[in-house]
Amino acid sequence: MKPAPVHLDKLGREIEEGACVAVAHHNSLEVATVVKLSPKMIKIKIANTATHAWYSGVHNKYGDQMVVIDGPEVTMYLLKLK
């Protein structure tokens, strides 16, 4: 079995599946969740977006385009949007 790929964020911290990240997307900053780690890119799902038949909110990004965020600030942000 192949080892899982190791990706680092802009600050040099390791990115894991399920982690919350701040990511640049279409000229804005979004909060997203890491869905899958592939050998080259990271699949993310943008938090609190409306999904439609033509838009799922899932995108591929490079590790240096995001920063891992954690702590009570993320929890409060996600609760505030609901």
N, C-alpha and C. Protein backbone atom coordinates (compact mmCIF):
# COMPACT_ATOMS: atom_id res chain seq x y z
N MET A 1 0.84 -1.18 0.00
CA MET A 1 0.00 0.00 0.00
C MET A 1 0.89 1.24 0.00
N LYS A 2 0.52 2.23 -0.80
CA LYS A 2 1.29 3.45 -0.88
C LYS A 2 1.10 4.30 0.37
N PRO A 3 2.14 5.01 0.79
CA PRO A 3 1.96 5.92 1.93
C PRO A 3 1.15 7.14 1.49
N ALA A 4 0.45 7.73 2.44
CA ALA A 4 -0.35 8.91 2.14
C ALA A 4 0.56 10.07 1.76
N PRO A 5 0.18 10.88 0.78
CA PRO A 5 1.02 12.02 0.40
C PRO A 5 1.06 13.05 1.52
N VAL A 6 2.19 13.72 1.64
CA VAL A 6 2.36 14.76 2.65
C VAL A 6 2.29 16.12 1.96
N HIS A 7 1.36 16.96 2.41
CA HIS A 7 1.21 18.31 1.88
C HIS A 7 1.43 19.29 3.02
N LEU A 8 2.08 20.41 2.71
CA LEU A 8 2.32 21.46 3.69
C LEU A 8 1.59 22.73 3.27
N ASP A 9 1.07 23.47 4.27
CA ASP A 9 0.38 24.73 3.96
C ASP A 9 1.41 25.86 3.81
N LYS A 10 0.93 27.06 3.65
CA LYS A 10 1.79 28.22 3.42
C LYS A 10 2.74 28.46 4.59
N LEU A 11 2.37 28.05 5.80
CA LEU A 11 3.19 28.24 6.98
C LEU A 11 4.07 27.03 7.29
N GLY A 12 4.01 26.00 6.47
CA GLY A 12 4.85 24.83 6.66
C GLY A 12 4.25 23.76 7.55
N ARG A 13 2.98 23.90 7.92
CA ARG A 13 2.32 22.89 8.75
C ARG A 13 1.71 21.81 7.86
N GLU A 14 1.64 20.60 8.38
CA GLU A 14 1.10 19.48 7.60
C GLU A 14 -0.42 19.59 7.50
N ILE A 15 -0.93 19.27 6.32
CA ILE A 15 -2.38 19.30 6.06
C ILE A 15 -2.89 17.86 6.10
N GLU A 16 -3.95 17.62 6.85
CA GLU A 16 -4.54 16.29 6.97
C GLU A 16 -5.98 16.31 6.48
N GLU A 17 -6.51 15.14 6.15
CA GLU A 17 -7.91 15.04 5.74
C GLU A 17 -8.81 15.45 6.89
N GLY A 18 -9.85 16.20 6.59
CA GLY A 18 -10.79 16.66 7.60
C GLY A 18 -10.41 17.97 8.26
N ALA A 19 -9.23 18.50 7.95
CA ALA A 19 -8.78 19.75 8.56
C ALA A 19 -9.53 20.94 7.97
N CYS A 20 -9.73 21.98 8.78
CA CYS A 20 -10.30 23.23 8.29
C CYS A 20 -9.17 24.11 7.79
N VAL A 21 -9.38 24.71 6.64
CA VAL A 21 -8.35 25.55 6.04
C VAL A 21 -8.97 26.85 5.54
N ALA A 22 -8.16 27.90 5.50
CA ALA A 22 -8.53 29.14 4.83
C ALA A 22 -7.85 29.09 3.47
N VAL A 23 -8.62 29.26 2.40
CA VAL A 23 -8.09 29.07 1.06
C VAL A 23 -8.50 30.23 0.16
N ALA A 24 -7.60 30.62 -0.73
CA ALA A 24 -7.91 31.65 -1.72
C ALA A 24 -8.73 31.01 -2.83
N HIS A 25 -9.87 31.64 -3.16
CA HIS A 25 -10.74 31.09 -4.20
C HIS A 25 -11.47 32.23 -4.90
N HIS A 26 -11.22 32.37 -6.20
CA HIS A 26 -11.88 33.39 -7.02
C HIS A 26 -11.83 34.79 -6.38
N ASN A 27 -10.64 35.25 -6.07
CA ASN A 27 -10.43 36.60 -5.56
C ASN A 27 -11.08 36.84 -4.19
N SER A 28 -11.23 35.80 -3.41
CA SER A 28 -11.74 35.94 -2.05
C SER A 28 -11.10 34.89 -1.16
N LEU A 29 -11.34 35.00 0.13
CA LEU A 29 -10.81 34.05 1.10
C LEU A 29 -11.98 33.25 1.64
N GLU A 30 -11.89 31.92 1.55
CA GLU A 30 -12.98 31.04 1.97
C GLU A 30 -12.50 30.08 3.05
N VAL A 31 -13.42 29.63 3.89
CA VAL A 31 -13.15 28.58 4.85
C VAL A 31 -13.63 27.28 4.22
N ALA A 32 -12.77 26.26 4.26
CA ALA A 32 -13.09 24.99 3.59
C ALA A 32 -12.62 23.83 4.45
N THR A 33 -13.07 22.64 4.07
CA THR A 33 -12.67 21.40 4.72
C THR A 33 -11.92 20.54 3.71
N VAL A 34 -10.84 19.91 4.14
CA VAL A 34 -10.07 19.04 3.26
C VAL A 34 -10.81 17.72 3.11
N VAL A 35 -11.11 17.35 1.87
CA VAL A 35 -11.85 16.13 1.57
C VAL A 35 -10.91 14.97 1.25
N LYS A 36 -9.88 15.25 0.41
CA LYS A 36 -9.00 14.18 -0.04
C LYS A 36 -7.63 14.74 -0.36
N LEU A 37 -6.61 13.95 -0.07
CA LEU A 37 -5.23 14.30 -0.42
C LEU A 37 -4.80 13.42 -1.59
N SER A 38 -4.47 14.05 -2.71
CA SER A 38 -3.94 13.30 -3.85
C SER A 38 -2.43 13.58 -3.92
N PRO A 39 -1.70 12.86 -4.75
CA PRO A 39 -0.25 13.06 -4.77
C PRO A 39 0.18 14.49 -5.10
N LYS A 40 -0.60 15.21 -5.90
CA LYS A 40 -0.19 16.54 -6.34
C LYS A 40 -1.03 17.66 -5.73
N MET A 41 -2.33 17.44 -5.58
CA MET A 41 -3.24 18.50 -5.14
C MET A 41 -4.09 18.03 -3.97
N ILE A 42 -4.87 18.98 -3.43
CA ILE A 42 -5.75 18.72 -2.30
C ILE A 42 -7.17 19.06 -2.72
N LYS A 43 -8.10 18.13 -2.48
CA LYS A 43 -9.51 18.38 -2.80
C LYS A 43 -10.16 18.98 -1.56
N ILE A 44 -10.80 20.16 -1.74
CA ILE A 44 -11.44 20.85 -0.62
C ILE A 44 -12.92 21.05 -0.93
N LYS A 45 -13.71 21.20 0.13
CA LYS A 45 -15.13 21.56 0.00
C LYS A 45 -15.35 22.83 0.77
N ILE A 46 -15.81 23.86 0.08
CA ILE A 46 -16.03 25.15 0.70
C ILE A 46 -17.19 25.05 1.67
N ALA A 47 -17.00 25.59 2.87
CA ALA A 47 -18.01 25.50 3.94
C ALA A 47 -19.18 26.44 3.67
N ASN A 48 -20.36 25.97 4.03
CA ASN A 48 -21.59 26.77 3.99
C ASN A 48 -21.86 27.40 2.64
N THR A 49 -21.80 26.59 1.59
CA THR A 49 -22.17 27.08 0.27
C THR A 49 -23.39 26.27 -0.20
N ALA A 50 -24.23 26.92 -0.94
CA ALA A 50 -25.39 26.25 -1.50
C ALA A 50 -24.94 25.37 -2.67
N THR A 51 -25.34 24.12 -2.65
CA THR A 51 -24.97 23.22 -3.74
C THR A 51 -26.15 23.08 -4.70
N HIS A 52 -25.82 22.96 -5.95
CA HIS A 52 -26.82 22.81 -7.00
C HIS A 52 -26.37 21.68 -7.91
N ALA A 53 -27.15 21.40 -8.92
CA ALA A 53 -26.78 20.36 -9.89
C ALA A 53 -25.51 20.74 -10.64
N TRP A 54 -25.25 22.03 -10.80
CA TRP A 54 -24.10 22.49 -11.56
C TRP A 54 -22.94 22.96 -10.67
N TYR A 55 -23.12 23.00 -9.35
CA TYR A 55 -22.04 23.47 -8.47
C TYR A 55 -22.06 22.65 -7.17
N SER A 56 -20.95 21.98 -6.90
CA SER A 56 -20.87 21.14 -5.70
C SER A 56 -20.07 21.79 -4.58
N GLY A 57 -19.31 22.84 -4.87
CA GLY A 57 -18.49 23.49 -3.86
C GLY A 57 -17.17 22.78 -3.61
N VAL A 58 -16.84 21.78 -4.44
CA VAL A 58 -15.60 21.02 -4.29
C VAL A 58 -14.62 21.50 -5.35
N HIS A 59 -13.38 21.76 -4.92
CA HIS A 59 -12.34 22.25 -5.82
C HIS A 59 -11.01 21.61 -5.48
N ASN A 60 -10.09 21.58 -6.44
CA ASN A 60 -8.72 21.12 -6.21
C ASN A 60 -7.82 22.34 -6.05
N LYS A 61 -6.97 22.32 -5.03
CA LYS A 61 -6.05 23.42 -4.75
C LYS A 61 -4.69 22.84 -4.38
N TYR A 62 -3.66 23.66 -4.53
CA TYR A 62 -2.33 23.29 -4.08
C TYR A 62 -2.18 23.63 -2.60
N GLY A 63 -1.29 22.95 -1.93
CA GLY A 63 -1.10 23.16 -0.49
C GLY A 63 -0.63 24.55 -0.13
N ASP A 64 0.16 25.19 -1.01
CA ASP A 64 0.66 26.53 -0.69
C ASP A 64 -0.39 27.61 -0.94
N GLN A 65 -1.59 27.25 -1.33
CA GLN A 65 -2.68 28.20 -1.50
C GLN A 65 -3.59 28.26 -0.29
N MET A 66 -3.21 27.56 0.79
CA MET A 66 -4.09 27.51 1.96
C MET A 66 -3.29 27.53 3.25
N VAL A 67 -4.02 27.82 4.34
CA VAL A 67 -3.44 27.82 5.68
C VAL A 67 -4.39 27.03 6.58
N VAL A 68 -3.83 26.11 7.35
CA VAL A 68 -4.63 25.33 8.30
C VAL A 68 -5.07 26.25 9.43
N ILE A 69 -6.36 26.23 9.73
CA ILE A 69 -6.89 27.03 10.84
C ILE A 69 -7.57 26.09 11.82
N ASP A 70 -7.48 26.43 13.09
CA ASP A 70 -8.11 25.59 14.11
C ASP A 70 -8.45 26.46 15.30
N GLY A 71 -9.14 25.87 16.24
CA GLY A 71 -9.47 26.60 17.45
C GLY A 71 -10.89 27.10 17.49
N PRO A 72 -11.21 27.87 18.52
CA PRO A 72 -12.58 28.35 18.71
C PRO A 72 -13.03 29.35 17.65
N GLU A 73 -12.09 30.01 16.99
CA GLU A 73 -12.47 30.97 15.95
C GLU A 73 -13.18 30.28 14.79
N VAL A 74 -12.70 29.11 14.40
CA VAL A 74 -13.33 28.36 13.31
C VAL A 74 -14.73 27.92 13.72
N THR A 75 -14.87 27.42 14.92
CA THR A 75 -16.17 26.97 15.41
C THR A 75 -17.17 28.13 15.41
N MET A 76 -16.75 29.28 15.91
CA MET A 76 -17.65 30.44 15.95
C MET A 76 -18.01 30.90 14.54
N TYR A 77 -17.07 30.88 13.61
CA TYR A 77 -17.35 31.26 12.23
C TYR A 77 -18.38 30.34 11.61
N LEU A 78 -18.20 29.04 11.78
CA LEU A 78 -19.14 28.08 11.20
C LEU A 78 -20.51 28.17 11.84
N LEU A 79 -20.58 28.43 13.14
CA LEU A 79 -21.88 28.58 13.81
C LEU A 79 -22.57 29.86 13.39
N LYS A 80 -21.80 30.91 13.17
CA LYS A 80 -22.37 32.21 12.81
C LYS A 80 -23.02 32.16 11.44
N LEU A 81 -22.50 31.34 10.52
CA LEU A 81 -23.03 31.28 9.16
C LEU A 81 -24.30 30.46 9.06
N LYS A 82 -24.59 29.62 10.02
CA LYS A 82 -25.76 28.75 9.90
C LYS A 82 -27.02 29.45 10.31
